C-alpha atoms as a PDB file:
ATOM      1  CA  UNK A   1     -23.366  53.615 -18.441  1.00  0.00           C
ATOM      2  CA  UNK A   2     -25.191  54.383 -21.675  1.00  0.00           C
ATOM      3  CA  UNK A   3     -28.535  52.834 -22.580  1.00  0.00           C
ATOM      4  CA  UNK A   4     -27.086  50.425 -25.056  1.00  0.00           C
ATOM      5  CA  UNK A   5     -24.443  49.225 -22.616  1.00  0.00           C
ATOM      6  CA  UNK A   6     -27.069  48.829 -19.909  1.00  0.00           C
ATOM      7  CA  UNK A   7     -29.250  46.737 -22.221  1.00  0.00           C
ATOM      8  CA  UNK A   8     -26.286  44.531 -23.089  1.00  0.00           C
ATOM      9  CA  UNK A   9     -25.501  44.177 -19.377  1.00  0.00           C
ATOM     10  CA  UNK A  10     -29.097  43.152 -18.701  1.00  0.00           C
ATOM     11  CA  UNK A  11     -28.967  40.600 -21.537  1.00  0.00           C
ATOM     12  CA  UNK A  12     -25.744  39.202 -20.107  1.00  0.00           C
ATOM     13  CA  UNK A  13     -27.334  38.901 -16.682  1.00  0.00           C
ATOM     14  CA  UNK A  14     -30.369  37.055 -18.107  1.00  0.00           C
ATOM     15  CA  UNK A  15     -28.219  34.700 -20.181  1.00  0.00           C
ATOM     16  CA  UNK A  16     -25.958  34.038 -17.208  1.00  0.00           C
ATOM     17  CA  UNK A  17     -28.883  33.284 -14.886  1.00  0.00           C
ATOM     18  CA  UNK A  18     -30.377  30.889 -17.418  1.00  0.00           C
ATOM     19  CA  UNK A  19     -27.075  29.043 -17.794  1.00  0.00           C
ATOM     20  CA  UNK A  20     -26.626  28.957 -13.993  1.00  0.00           C
ATOM     21  CA  UNK A  21     -30.138  27.481 -13.564  1.00  0.00           C
ATOM     22  CA  UNK A  22     -29.423  24.778 -16.131  1.00  0.00           C
ATOM     23  CA  UNK A  23     -26.228  23.895 -14.318  1.00  0.00           C
ATOM     24  CA  UNK A  24     -27.919  23.798 -10.941  1.00  0.00           C
ATOM     25  CA  UNK A  25     -30.619  21.438 -12.148  1.00  0.00           C
ATOM     26  CA  UNK A  26     -28.223  19.229 -14.127  1.00  0.00           C
ATOM     27  CA  UNK A  27     -25.683  18.928 -11.365  1.00  0.00           C
ATOM     28  CA  UNK A  28     -27.851  18.991  -8.279  1.00  0.00           C
ATOM     29  CA  UNK A  29     -26.761  15.450  -7.405  1.00  0.00           C
ATOM     30  CA  UNK A  30     -23.041  16.387  -7.343  1.00  0.00           C
ATOM     31  CA  UNK A  31     -21.350  16.981  -4.037  1.00  0.00           C
ATOM     32  CA  UNK A  32     -19.086  19.841  -5.044  1.00  0.00           C
ATOM     33  CA  UNK A  33     -21.100  23.056  -5.629  1.00  0.00           C
ATOM     34  CA  UNK A  34     -20.370  25.353  -8.568  1.00  0.00           C
ATOM     35  CA  UNK A  35     -18.725  28.691  -8.058  1.00  0.00           C
ATOM     36  CA  UNK A  36     -19.974  31.134 -10.611  1.00  0.00           C
ATOM     37  CA  UNK A  37     -18.428  34.524 -11.349  1.00  0.00           C
ATOM     38  CA  UNK A  38     -20.333  36.822 -13.687  1.00  0.00           C
ATOM     39  CA  UNK A  39     -18.465  39.447 -15.663  1.00  0.00           C
ATOM     40  CA  UNK A  40     -17.651  39.824 -19.342  1.00  0.00           C
ATOM     41  CA  UNK A  41     -17.224  36.090 -19.235  1.00  0.00           C
ATOM     42  CA  UNK A  42     -19.205  33.635 -17.201  1.00  0.00           C
ATOM     43  CA  UNK A  43     -16.640  31.416 -15.574  1.00  0.00           C
ATOM     44  CA  UNK A  44     -17.981  28.125 -14.320  1.00  0.00           C
ATOM     45  CA  UNK A  45     -15.870  26.086 -11.956  1.00  0.00           C
ATOM     46  CA  UNK A  46     -16.855  22.664 -10.670  1.00  0.00           C
ATOM     47  CA  UNK A  47     -16.348  18.988 -11.025  1.00  0.00           C
ATOM     48  CA  UNK A  48     -17.550  16.908 -13.938  1.00  0.00           C
ATOM     49  CA  UNK A  49     -18.126  13.182 -13.795  1.00  0.00           C
ATOM     50  CA  UNK A  50     -14.569  12.568 -14.983  1.00  0.00           C
ATOM     51  CA  UNK A  51     -12.417  15.351 -13.580  1.00  0.00           C
ATOM     52  CA  UNK A  52     -12.308  18.943 -12.460  1.00  0.00           C
ATOM     53  CA  UNK A  53     -12.730  21.460 -15.243  1.00  0.00           C
ATOM     54  CA  UNK A  54     -13.140  25.160 -15.974  1.00  0.00           C
ATOM     55  CA  UNK A  55     -15.432  26.286 -18.775  1.00  0.00           C
ATOM     56  CA  UNK A  56     -15.570  29.830 -20.041  1.00  0.00           C
ATOM     57  CA  UNK A  57     -18.787  30.873 -21.752  1.00  0.00           C
ATOM     58  CA  UNK A  58     -18.647  34.195 -23.553  1.00  0.00           C
ATOM     59  CA  UNK A  59     -21.817  36.250 -23.187  1.00  0.00           C
ATOM     60  CA  UNK A  60     -21.805  39.074 -25.712  1.00  0.00           C
END
C-alpha cells in the first residue's frame, strides 16, 4: 500500500466512523441495531421510521 493510498484509507476510516457515530446517536432509540460494513463504500443497513432501507454512502 503506497503512502497516498494509506492516507486515503485513513480518511475513509475517519469519515466512516463519524457517520457511524452520527447514526448511533440519532437512532439509539430504535430497536433494530445497524449493521455497518466498511469498504470502498459504507453500507448502512437498518430500519427507518417508515420501512427497512439500505443506504450506500460513497467515501472517496
